[in-house]
Amino acid sequence: MIRHIPNSYRPLFDGGPDGPLRWQDDVTGILPSAMLAYFEHKAAPEQFGLVREYGEYYIHAPCCHEVRAREIVEYTLGNALAENIALKGEVEDLRMARDEARLQRDKLNRENQDLHEKLRTQESFYKLYVNENVELTDKIDTLTTLVKDLNAENETLQKAVSQAVIPVRPVRKPAKKEGVSE
């Protein structure tokens, strides 16, 4: 019988026991076609022999011995347990970070709301100030116009007074009464 299956194994993981090569990795295509034909219940006698040979190769791998199998399971479970513990720690860290972020978000939202309220109040005061300022400016403009008009009238009156001829009336002396001595 011609042996088509190599008599070599590869480590399953770093430092782990040697395991069989995968039939899917056969580059000749002979073993994969034999395995697929076997799975479909269409294997020819020579293909069936190849499948049998691969099965023997597989079960004689160093990792398939009872002691080594237990080592593999313990190693795999230990890694899975350590990874699970690490993930639980990460999940808890993420939960704490999420909760802290929520607290900060809520605090910022409250502060933002307070600032918006203060801004609305300041905007109201500013609008009131602007309106009052406009009213006062209008009043000042009106008063300025009135003052100018009064000044112009005053100048006109002063000119008129300075140019006016005021008749002088003679002052009468009171008549002397008889019998009254001075």
N, C-alpha and C. Protein backbone atom coordinates (compact mmCIF):
# COMPACT_ATOMS: atom_id res chain seq x y z
N MET A 1 0.84 -1.17 0.00
CA MET A 1 0.00 0.00 0.00
C MET A 1 0.89 1.24 0.00
N ILE A 2 0.55 2.19 -0.87
CA ILE A 2 1.29 3.44 -0.95
C ILE A 2 0.71 4.40 0.08
N ARG A 3 1.59 4.95 0.86
CA ARG A 3 1.13 5.87 1.92
C ARG A 3 1.08 7.28 1.34
N HIS A 4 -0.11 7.91 1.42
CA HIS A 4 -0.30 9.26 0.92
C HIS A 4 -0.28 10.29 2.05
N ILE A 5 -0.45 9.82 3.25
CA ILE A 5 -0.53 10.72 4.40
C ILE A 5 0.87 10.86 4.99
N PRO A 6 1.32 12.11 5.26
CA PRO A 6 2.64 12.28 5.86
C PRO A 6 2.64 11.73 7.28
N ASN A 7 3.81 11.40 7.73
CA ASN A 7 3.95 10.89 9.09
C ASN A 7 4.53 11.99 9.98
N SER A 8 3.98 13.19 9.83
CA SER A 8 4.48 14.31 10.63
C SER A 8 3.28 15.02 11.27
N TYR A 9 3.57 15.69 12.36
CA TYR A 9 2.54 16.41 13.11
C TYR A 9 3.05 17.82 13.38
N ARG A 10 2.17 18.70 13.76
CA ARG A 10 2.56 20.08 14.07
C ARG A 10 1.98 20.45 15.44
N PRO A 11 2.61 21.37 16.14
CA PRO A 11 2.09 21.76 17.45
C PRO A 11 0.69 22.41 17.30
N LEU A 12 -0.19 22.06 18.21
CA LEU A 12 -1.53 22.65 18.18
C LEU A 12 -1.50 24.11 18.62
N PHE A 13 -0.57 24.44 19.55
CA PHE A 13 -0.39 25.81 20.02
C PHE A 13 1.02 25.88 20.58
N ASP A 14 1.50 27.07 20.85
CA ASP A 14 2.86 27.24 21.37
C ASP A 14 3.03 26.42 22.64
N GLY A 15 4.01 25.54 22.63
CA GLY A 15 4.30 24.72 23.80
C GLY A 15 3.34 23.56 23.98
N GLY A 16 2.39 23.43 23.09
CA GLY A 16 1.38 22.38 23.22
C GLY A 16 1.82 21.10 22.50
N PRO A 17 1.02 20.06 22.63
CA PRO A 17 1.35 18.78 21.99
C PRO A 17 1.14 18.86 20.48
N ASP A 18 1.78 17.94 19.79
CA ASP A 18 1.65 17.90 18.34
C ASP A 18 0.30 17.32 17.95
N GLY A 19 -0.28 17.91 16.93
CA GLY A 19 -1.57 17.45 16.44
C GLY A 19 -1.50 17.12 14.97
N PRO A 20 -2.55 16.52 14.43
CA PRO A 20 -2.54 16.11 13.02
C PRO A 20 -2.70 17.32 12.09
N LEU A 21 -2.22 17.11 10.88
CA LEU A 21 -2.41 18.13 9.85
C LEU A 21 -3.86 18.06 9.40
N ARG A 22 -4.40 19.17 8.94
CA ARG A 22 -5.80 19.19 8.49
C ARG A 22 -5.89 18.62 7.07
N TRP A 23 -6.89 17.80 6.83
CA TRP A 23 -7.05 17.23 5.50
C TRP A 23 -7.39 18.30 4.47
N GLN A 24 -8.01 19.41 4.91
CA GLN A 24 -8.36 20.48 4.00
C GLN A 24 -7.12 21.21 3.46
N ASP A 25 -6.00 21.08 4.17
CA ASP A 25 -4.79 21.79 3.78
C ASP A 25 -3.93 21.01 2.78
N ASP A 26 -4.35 19.83 2.37
CA ASP A 26 -3.60 19.01 1.40
C ASP A 26 -3.60 19.72 0.05
N VAL A 27 -2.39 20.07 -0.45
CA VAL A 27 -2.28 20.83 -1.69
C VAL A 27 -2.44 19.98 -2.94
N THR A 28 -2.32 18.66 -2.81
CA THR A 28 -2.46 17.80 -3.99
C THR A 28 -3.92 17.68 -4.41
N GLY A 29 -4.83 17.88 -3.48
CA GLY A 29 -6.26 17.78 -3.78
C GLY A 29 -6.79 16.36 -3.70
N ILE A 30 -5.90 15.40 -3.49
CA ILE A 30 -6.33 13.99 -3.46
C ILE A 30 -7.10 13.69 -2.18
N LEU A 31 -6.52 14.06 -1.04
CA LEU A 31 -7.18 13.79 0.25
C LEU A 31 -8.49 14.58 0.39
N PRO A 32 -8.54 15.85 0.05
CA PRO A 32 -9.81 16.57 0.17
C PRO A 32 -10.92 15.96 -0.69
N SER A 33 -10.60 15.54 -1.93
CA SER A 33 -11.65 14.96 -2.78
C SER A 33 -12.10 13.61 -2.22
N ALA A 34 -11.18 12.84 -1.63
CA ALA A 34 -11.54 11.55 -1.03
C ALA A 34 -12.44 11.77 0.18
N MET A 35 -12.11 12.76 1.01
CA MET A 35 -12.90 13.04 2.21
C MET A 35 -14.31 13.51 1.83
N LEU A 36 -14.39 14.39 0.86
CA LEU A 36 -15.70 14.90 0.44
C LEU A 36 -16.55 13.78 -0.17
N ALA A 37 -15.92 12.92 -0.96
CA ALA A 37 -16.66 11.78 -1.54
C ALA A 37 -17.15 10.87 -0.42
N TYR A 38 -16.34 10.66 0.60
CA TYR A 38 -16.73 9.83 1.74
C TYR A 38 -17.93 10.44 2.47
N PHE A 39 -17.89 11.76 2.70
CA PHE A 39 -18.99 12.44 3.40
C PHE A 39 -20.29 12.36 2.60
N GLU A 40 -20.17 12.31 1.28
CA GLU A 40 -21.36 12.23 0.42
C GLU A 40 -21.77 10.78 0.13
N HIS A 41 -21.10 9.84 0.78
CA HIS A 41 -21.34 8.39 0.60
C HIS A 41 -21.13 7.96 -0.85
N LYS A 42 -20.10 8.55 -1.48
CA LYS A 42 -19.81 8.22 -2.87
C LYS A 42 -18.33 7.86 -3.05
N ALA A 43 -17.66 7.47 -2.00
CA ALA A 43 -16.22 7.20 -2.07
C ALA A 43 -15.95 5.90 -2.82
N ALA A 44 -14.98 5.96 -3.72
CA ALA A 44 -14.50 4.77 -4.44
C ALA A 44 -13.62 3.99 -3.47
N PRO A 45 -13.34 2.71 -3.74
CA PRO A 45 -12.53 1.89 -2.83
C PRO A 45 -11.17 2.52 -2.52
N GLU A 46 -10.47 3.08 -3.54
CA GLU A 46 -9.15 3.69 -3.26
C GLU A 46 -9.32 4.96 -2.41
N GLN A 47 -10.44 5.70 -2.60
CA GLN A 47 -10.71 6.89 -1.77
C GLN A 47 -11.04 6.47 -0.34
N PHE A 48 -11.79 5.38 -0.21
CA PHE A 48 -12.13 4.89 1.13
C PHE A 48 -10.87 4.49 1.87
N GLY A 49 -9.91 3.86 1.18
CA GLY A 49 -8.64 3.47 1.78
C GLY A 49 -7.87 4.70 2.27
N LEU A 50 -7.91 5.77 1.48
CA LEU A 50 -7.22 7.01 1.86
C LEU A 50 -7.87 7.63 3.09
N VAL A 51 -9.21 7.59 3.15
CA VAL A 51 -9.93 8.12 4.31
C VAL A 51 -9.56 7.31 5.55
N ARG A 52 -9.48 5.98 5.40
CA ARG A 52 -9.11 5.10 6.51
C ARG A 52 -7.69 5.41 6.99
N GLU A 53 -6.80 5.62 6.03
CA GLU A 53 -5.41 5.94 6.37
C GLU A 53 -5.34 7.27 7.14
N TYR A 54 -6.11 8.28 6.69
CA TYR A 54 -6.11 9.57 7.39
C TYR A 54 -6.69 9.42 8.80
N GLY A 55 -7.72 8.60 8.95
CA GLY A 55 -8.31 8.36 10.27
C GLY A 55 -7.30 7.76 11.23
N GLU A 56 -6.54 6.77 10.75
CA GLU A 56 -5.51 6.15 11.60
C GLU A 56 -4.42 7.17 11.96
N TYR A 57 -4.02 7.92 10.96
CA TYR A 57 -3.02 8.97 11.19
C TYR A 57 -3.52 9.93 12.28
N TYR A 58 -4.81 10.29 12.17
CA TYR A 58 -5.40 11.27 13.08
C TYR A 58 -5.44 10.74 14.51
N ILE A 59 -5.90 9.52 14.69
CA ILE A 59 -6.05 9.00 16.06
C ILE A 59 -4.72 8.62 16.69
N HIS A 60 -3.68 8.50 15.90
CA HIS A 60 -2.36 8.20 16.46
C HIS A 60 -1.54 9.45 16.71
N ALA A 61 -2.11 10.60 16.53
CA ALA A 61 -1.40 11.85 16.78
C ALA A 61 -1.06 11.93 18.26
N PRO A 62 0.09 12.53 18.61
CA PRO A 62 0.51 12.61 20.01
C PRO A 62 -0.53 13.30 20.90
N CYS A 63 -1.29 14.23 20.36
CA CYS A 63 -2.25 14.95 21.19
C CYS A 63 -3.46 14.08 21.54
N CYS A 64 -3.63 12.97 20.87
CA CYS A 64 -4.82 12.14 21.10
C CYS A 64 -4.64 11.11 22.22
N HIS A 65 -3.45 11.04 22.79
CA HIS A 65 -3.26 10.13 23.92
C HIS A 65 -3.97 10.72 25.13
N GLU A 66 -4.47 9.87 26.00
CA GLU A 66 -5.33 10.31 27.10
C GLU A 66 -4.67 11.39 27.96
N VAL A 67 -3.42 11.22 28.35
CA VAL A 67 -2.74 12.18 29.21
C VAL A 67 -2.61 13.52 28.50
N ARG A 68 -2.20 13.46 27.25
CA ARG A 68 -2.01 14.70 26.48
C ARG A 68 -3.36 15.37 26.21
N ALA A 69 -4.39 14.60 25.99
CA ALA A 69 -5.72 15.17 25.74
C ALA A 69 -6.18 15.95 26.97
N ARG A 70 -5.95 15.37 28.15
CA ARG A 70 -6.33 16.06 29.38
C ARG A 70 -5.54 17.37 29.51
N GLU A 71 -4.25 17.34 29.15
CA GLU A 71 -3.42 18.55 29.18
C GLU A 71 -3.99 19.62 28.25
N ILE A 72 -4.39 19.19 27.07
CA ILE A 72 -4.93 20.13 26.09
C ILE A 72 -6.21 20.77 26.62
N VAL A 73 -7.09 19.94 27.17
CA VAL A 73 -8.36 20.46 27.70
C VAL A 73 -8.09 21.42 28.84
N GLU A 74 -7.20 21.02 29.77
CA GLU A 74 -6.89 21.90 30.90
C GLU A 74 -6.26 23.21 30.43
N TYR A 75 -5.35 23.09 29.46
CA TYR A 75 -4.70 24.29 28.93
C TYR A 75 -5.75 25.20 28.27
N THR A 76 -6.58 24.61 27.45
CA THR A 76 -7.61 25.39 26.74
C THR A 76 -8.60 26.01 27.72
N LEU A 77 -9.06 25.21 28.70
CA LEU A 77 -10.00 25.73 29.68
C LEU A 77 -9.35 26.81 30.55
N GLY A 78 -8.10 26.60 30.90
CA GLY A 78 -7.39 27.60 31.69
C GLY A 78 -7.28 28.92 30.94
N ASN A 79 -6.94 28.81 29.66
CA ASN A 79 -6.86 30.04 28.85
C ASN A 79 -8.23 30.70 28.74
N ALA A 80 -9.26 29.88 28.52
CA ALA A 80 -10.62 30.42 28.40
C ALA A 80 -11.06 31.07 29.70
N LEU A 81 -10.74 30.43 30.83
CA LEU A 81 -11.11 30.98 32.12
C LEU A 81 -10.38 32.31 32.37
N ALA A 82 -9.08 32.32 32.09
CA ALA A 82 -8.31 33.55 32.28
C ALA A 82 -8.85 34.67 31.38
N GLU A 83 -9.18 34.31 30.14
CA GLU A 83 -9.73 35.30 29.21
C GLU A 83 -11.10 35.78 29.70
N ASN A 84 -11.90 34.86 30.22
CA ASN A 84 -13.22 35.22 30.73
C ASN A 84 -13.10 36.18 31.92
N ILE A 85 -12.16 35.88 32.83
CA ILE A 85 -11.93 36.74 33.98
C ILE A 85 -11.47 38.13 33.52
N ALA A 86 -10.56 38.14 32.55
CA ALA A 86 -10.07 39.41 32.03
C ALA A 86 -11.21 40.20 31.37
N LEU A 87 -12.05 39.49 30.62
CA LEU A 87 -13.17 40.16 29.95
C LEU A 87 -14.17 40.70 30.97
N LYS A 88 -14.41 39.93 32.05
CA LYS A 88 -15.32 40.42 33.09
C LYS A 88 -14.77 41.70 33.71
N GLY A 89 -13.46 41.72 33.94
CA GLY A 89 -12.84 42.93 34.47
C GLY A 89 -12.97 44.10 33.50
N GLU A 90 -12.76 43.82 32.21
CA GLU A 90 -12.91 44.87 31.21
C GLU A 90 -14.34 45.36 31.15
N VAL A 91 -15.29 44.43 31.23
CA VAL A 91 -16.70 44.81 31.18
C VAL A 91 -17.02 45.71 32.38
N GLU A 92 -16.53 45.33 33.56
CA GLU A 92 -16.79 46.15 34.75
C GLU A 92 -16.14 47.53 34.60
N ASP A 93 -14.90 47.56 34.07
CA ASP A 93 -14.24 48.84 33.83
C ASP A 93 -15.04 49.69 32.85
N LEU A 94 -15.54 49.05 31.80
CA LEU A 94 -16.34 49.77 30.81
C LEU A 94 -17.65 50.28 31.42
N ARG A 95 -18.26 49.48 32.28
CA ARG A 95 -19.49 49.92 32.96
C ARG A 95 -19.21 51.14 33.83
N MET A 96 -18.12 51.07 34.58
CA MET A 96 -17.77 52.19 35.44
C MET A 96 -17.49 53.44 34.61
N ALA A 97 -16.75 53.27 33.52
CA ALA A 97 -16.44 54.40 32.65
C ALA A 97 -17.73 54.96 32.03
N ARG A 98 -18.64 54.06 31.63
CA ARG A 98 -19.92 54.50 31.06
C ARG A 98 -20.72 55.29 32.09
N ASP A 99 -20.78 54.76 33.33
CA ASP A 99 -21.53 55.44 34.39
C ASP A 99 -20.92 56.81 34.69
N GLU A 100 -19.60 56.88 34.73
CA GLU A 100 -18.92 58.15 34.98
C GLU A 100 -19.20 59.13 33.84
N ALA A 101 -19.17 58.63 32.61
CA ALA A 101 -19.46 59.49 31.45
C ALA A 101 -20.90 60.00 31.51
N ARG A 102 -21.82 59.15 31.95
CA ARG A 102 -23.22 59.59 32.08
C ARG A 102 -23.35 60.68 33.13
N LEU A 103 -22.66 60.50 34.26
CA LEU A 103 -22.70 61.51 35.32
C LEU A 103 -22.14 62.85 34.81
N GLN A 104 -21.03 62.77 34.10
CA GLN A 104 -20.43 63.99 33.57
C GLN A 104 -21.36 64.64 32.54
N ARG A 105 -21.98 63.81 31.69
CA ARG A 105 -22.92 64.34 30.69
C ARG A 105 -24.08 65.05 31.37
N ASP A 106 -24.65 64.41 32.41
CA ASP A 106 -25.79 65.00 33.12
C ASP A 106 -25.38 66.31 33.80
N LYS A 107 -24.18 66.33 34.39
CA LYS A 107 -23.69 67.54 35.04
C LYS A 107 -23.51 68.65 34.01
N LEU A 108 -22.92 68.32 32.88
CA LEU A 108 -22.73 69.32 31.83
C LEU A 108 -24.07 69.81 31.28
N ASN A 109 -25.03 68.91 31.17
CA ASN A 109 -26.36 69.32 30.70
C ASN A 109 -27.00 70.30 31.68
N ARG A 110 -26.87 70.02 32.99
CA ARG A 110 -27.42 70.94 33.99
C ARG A 110 -26.72 72.30 33.92
N GLU A 111 -25.39 72.28 33.84
CA GLU A 111 -24.63 73.52 33.75
C GLU A 111 -25.00 74.28 32.48
N ASN A 112 -25.16 73.55 31.40
CA ASN A 112 -25.53 74.16 30.13
C ASN A 112 -26.91 74.80 30.23
N GLN A 113 -27.83 74.11 30.90
CA GLN A 113 -29.17 74.65 31.09
C GLN A 113 -29.12 75.94 31.92
N ASP A 114 -28.32 75.92 32.98
CA ASP A 114 -28.16 77.12 33.82
C ASP A 114 -27.59 78.28 32.99
N LEU A 115 -26.59 77.97 32.18
CA LEU A 115 -25.98 79.02 31.36
C LEU A 115 -26.98 79.57 30.34
N HIS A 116 -27.79 78.68 29.77
CA HIS A 116 -28.81 79.15 28.83
C HIS A 116 -29.82 80.07 29.53
N GLU A 117 -30.20 79.71 30.75
CA GLU A 117 -31.15 80.54 31.51
C GLU A 117 -30.53 81.91 31.80
N LYS A 118 -29.26 81.91 32.22
CA LYS A 118 -28.57 83.17 32.49
C LYS A 118 -28.47 84.00 31.21
N LEU A 119 -28.18 83.33 30.11
CA LEU A 119 -28.08 84.04 28.83
C LEU A 119 -29.42 84.64 28.44
N ARG A 120 -30.51 83.88 28.62
CA ARG A 120 -31.83 84.42 28.31
C ARG A 120 -32.13 85.65 29.19
N THR A 121 -31.76 85.56 30.48
CA THR A 121 -31.97 86.69 31.39
C THR A 121 -31.15 87.89 30.93
N GLN A 122 -29.89 87.65 30.58
CA GLN A 122 -29.04 88.74 30.12
C GLN A 122 -29.57 89.33 28.81
N GLU A 123 -30.06 88.47 27.93
CA GLU A 123 -30.63 88.96 26.67
C GLU A 123 -31.85 89.83 26.95
N SER A 124 -32.69 89.42 27.92
CA SER A 124 -33.86 90.22 28.28
C SER A 124 -33.42 91.58 28.81
N PHE A 125 -32.44 91.60 29.73
CA PHE A 125 -31.94 92.86 30.26
C PHE A 125 -31.34 93.71 29.15
N TYR A 126 -30.62 93.08 28.26
CA TYR A 126 -29.98 93.82 27.17
C TYR A 126 -31.04 94.45 26.27
N LYS A 127 -32.09 93.67 25.93
CA LYS A 127 -33.17 94.22 25.10
C LYS A 127 -33.85 95.39 25.81
N LEU A 128 -34.10 95.24 27.12
CA LEU A 128 -34.69 96.32 27.90
C LEU A 128 -33.78 97.54 27.89
N TYR A 129 -32.48 97.32 28.08
CA TYR A 129 -31.50 98.40 28.07
C TYR A 129 -31.50 99.10 26.71
N VAL A 130 -31.49 98.32 25.64
CA VAL A 130 -31.47 98.90 24.30
C VAL A 130 -32.74 99.72 24.06
N ASN A 131 -33.90 99.16 24.45
CA ASN A 131 -35.16 99.89 24.26
C ASN A 131 -35.16 101.20 25.06
N GLU A 132 -34.73 101.13 26.32
CA GLU A 132 -34.67 102.34 27.14
C GLU A 132 -33.67 103.32 26.57
N ASN A 133 -32.56 102.81 26.08
CA ASN A 133 -31.54 103.66 25.49
C ASN A 133 -32.09 104.38 24.25
N VAL A 134 -32.85 103.66 23.43
CA VAL A 134 -33.46 104.26 22.24
C VAL A 134 -34.45 105.35 22.66
N GLU A 135 -35.28 105.04 23.67
CA GLU A 135 -36.25 106.03 24.14
C GLU A 135 -35.54 107.27 24.68
N LEU A 136 -34.49 107.05 25.48
CA LEU A 136 -33.75 108.19 26.04
C LEU A 136 -33.06 108.98 24.93
N THR A 137 -32.53 108.29 23.95
CA THR A 137 -31.87 108.98 22.83
C THR A 137 -32.90 109.84 22.09
N ASP A 138 -34.10 109.28 21.88
CA ASP A 138 -35.17 110.05 21.22
C ASP A 138 -35.52 111.29 22.05
N LYS A 139 -35.65 111.11 23.37
CA LYS A 139 -35.98 112.25 24.24
C LYS A 139 -34.87 113.29 24.21
N ILE A 140 -33.63 112.85 24.23
CA ILE A 140 -32.49 113.77 24.18
C ILE A 140 -32.51 114.53 22.86
N ASP A 141 -32.78 113.82 21.77
CA ASP A 141 -32.84 114.48 20.45
C ASP A 141 -33.95 115.54 20.44
N THR A 142 -35.12 115.16 21.01
CA THR A 142 -36.24 116.11 21.07
C THR A 142 -35.86 117.33 21.90
N LEU A 143 -35.27 117.07 23.09
CA LEU A 143 -34.85 118.18 23.96
C LEU A 143 -33.78 119.05 23.30
N THR A 144 -32.87 118.42 22.59
CA THR A 144 -31.82 119.17 21.90
C THR A 144 -32.45 120.09 20.86
N THR A 145 -33.42 119.56 20.13
CA THR A 145 -34.11 120.37 19.13
C THR A 145 -34.84 121.53 19.80
N LEU A 146 -35.53 121.24 20.92
CA LEU A 146 -36.23 122.30 21.64
C LEU A 146 -35.27 123.37 22.15
N VAL A 147 -34.14 122.95 22.68
CA VAL A 147 -33.14 123.91 23.18
C VAL A 147 -32.63 124.77 22.04
N LYS A 148 -32.36 124.16 20.88
CA LYS A 148 -31.90 124.93 19.73
C LYS A 148 -32.97 125.95 19.32
N ASP A 149 -34.23 125.47 19.28
CA ASP A 149 -35.33 126.38 18.92
C ASP A 149 -35.44 127.52 19.93
N LEU A 150 -35.34 127.20 21.21
CA LEU A 150 -35.42 128.23 22.25
C LEU A 150 -34.25 129.21 22.15
N ASN A 151 -33.07 128.68 21.89
CA ASN A 151 -31.89 129.53 21.73
C ASN A 151 -32.08 130.46 20.53
N ALA A 152 -32.61 129.90 19.45
CA ALA A 152 -32.84 130.74 18.26
C ALA A 152 -33.87 131.82 18.58
N GLU A 153 -34.94 131.44 19.29
CA GLU A 153 -35.97 132.42 19.67
C GLU A 153 -35.38 133.48 20.59
N ASN A 154 -34.56 133.03 21.52
CA ASN A 154 -33.93 133.95 22.47
C ASN A 154 -33.05 134.94 21.72
N GLU A 155 -32.28 134.46 20.76
CA GLU A 155 -31.42 135.34 19.98
C GLU A 155 -32.27 136.37 19.22
N THR A 156 -33.38 135.86 18.64
CA THR A 156 -34.26 136.75 17.89
C THR A 156 -34.83 137.82 18.82
N LEU A 157 -35.25 137.39 20.00
CA LEU A 157 -35.82 138.35 20.96
C LEU A 157 -34.76 139.34 21.44
N GLN A 158 -33.54 138.86 21.66
CA GLN A 158 -32.48 139.77 22.10
C GLN A 158 -32.16 140.80 21.03
N LYS A 159 -32.14 140.36 19.78
CA LYS A 159 -31.89 141.30 18.68
C LYS A 159 -33.01 142.32 18.62
N ALA A 160 -34.23 141.79 18.75
CA ALA A 160 -35.38 142.70 18.68
C ALA A 160 -35.34 143.71 19.83
N VAL A 161 -34.98 143.22 21.00
CA VAL A 161 -34.90 144.10 22.16
C VAL A 161 -33.79 145.11 21.95
N SER A 162 -32.65 144.65 21.44
CA SER A 162 -31.53 145.58 21.28
C SER A 162 -31.81 146.60 20.19
N GLN A 163 -32.63 146.27 19.24
CA GLN A 163 -32.93 147.20 18.15
C GLN A 163 -34.18 148.02 18.43
N ALA A 164 -34.91 147.65 19.39
CA ALA A 164 -36.15 148.36 19.66
C ALA A 164 -35.88 149.73 20.26
N VAL A 165 -36.73 150.67 19.90
CA VAL A 165 -36.64 152.01 20.47
C VAL A 165 -37.68 152.06 21.55
N ILE A 166 -37.20 152.28 22.68
CA ILE A 166 -38.12 152.33 23.80
C ILE A 166 -38.35 153.81 24.11
N PRO A 167 -39.59 154.25 23.98
CA PRO A 167 -39.84 155.67 24.28
C PRO A 167 -39.65 155.93 25.77
N VAL A 168 -39.09 157.04 26.03
CA VAL A 168 -38.86 157.40 27.41
C VAL A 168 -39.99 158.35 27.79
N ARG A 169 -40.63 158.12 28.81
CA ARG A 169 -41.70 159.00 29.29
C ARG A 169 -41.10 159.96 30.30
N PRO A 170 -41.57 161.16 30.18
CA PRO A 170 -41.05 162.10 31.17
C PRO A 170 -41.57 161.73 32.54
N VAL A 171 -40.77 161.92 33.44
CA VAL A 171 -41.13 161.60 34.81
C VAL A 171 -41.83 162.84 35.36
N ARG A 172 -42.93 162.69 35.88
CA ARG A 172 -43.65 163.81 36.47
C ARG A 172 -43.31 163.91 37.93
N LYS A 173 -43.18 165.12 38.23
CA LYS A 173 -42.94 165.34 39.64
C LYS A 173 -44.29 165.59 40.25
N PRO A 174 -44.49 165.10 41.38
CA PRO A 174 -45.77 165.32 41.99
C PRO A 174 -45.95 166.82 42.30
N ALA A 175 -47.12 167.28 42.16
CA ALA A 175 -47.42 168.68 42.41
C ALA A 175 -47.37 168.94 43.90
N LYS A 176 -47.04 170.20 44.21
CA LYS A 176 -46.93 170.55 45.60
C LYS A 176 -48.31 170.92 46.10
N LYS A 177 -48.55 170.48 47.19
CA LYS A 177 -49.81 170.79 47.80
C LYS A 177 -49.62 172.04 48.64
N GLU A 178 -50.62 172.81 48.63
CA GLU A 178 -50.50 174.02 49.39
C GLU A 178 -50.60 173.76 50.85
N GLY A 179 -49.91 174.36 51.47
CA GLY A 179 -49.88 174.27 52.91
C GLY A 179 -49.01 173.17 53.40
N VAL A 180 -48.41 172.52 52.58
CA VAL A 180 -47.55 171.44 53.06
C VAL A 180 -46.13 171.97 52.99
N SER A 181 -45.49 171.84 54.01
CA SER A 181 -44.13 172.32 54.01
C SER A 181 -43.18 171.15 53.80
N GLU A 182 -42.21 171.58 53.22
CA GLU A 182 -41.21 170.53 52.91
C GLU A 182 -40.16 170.46 53.92
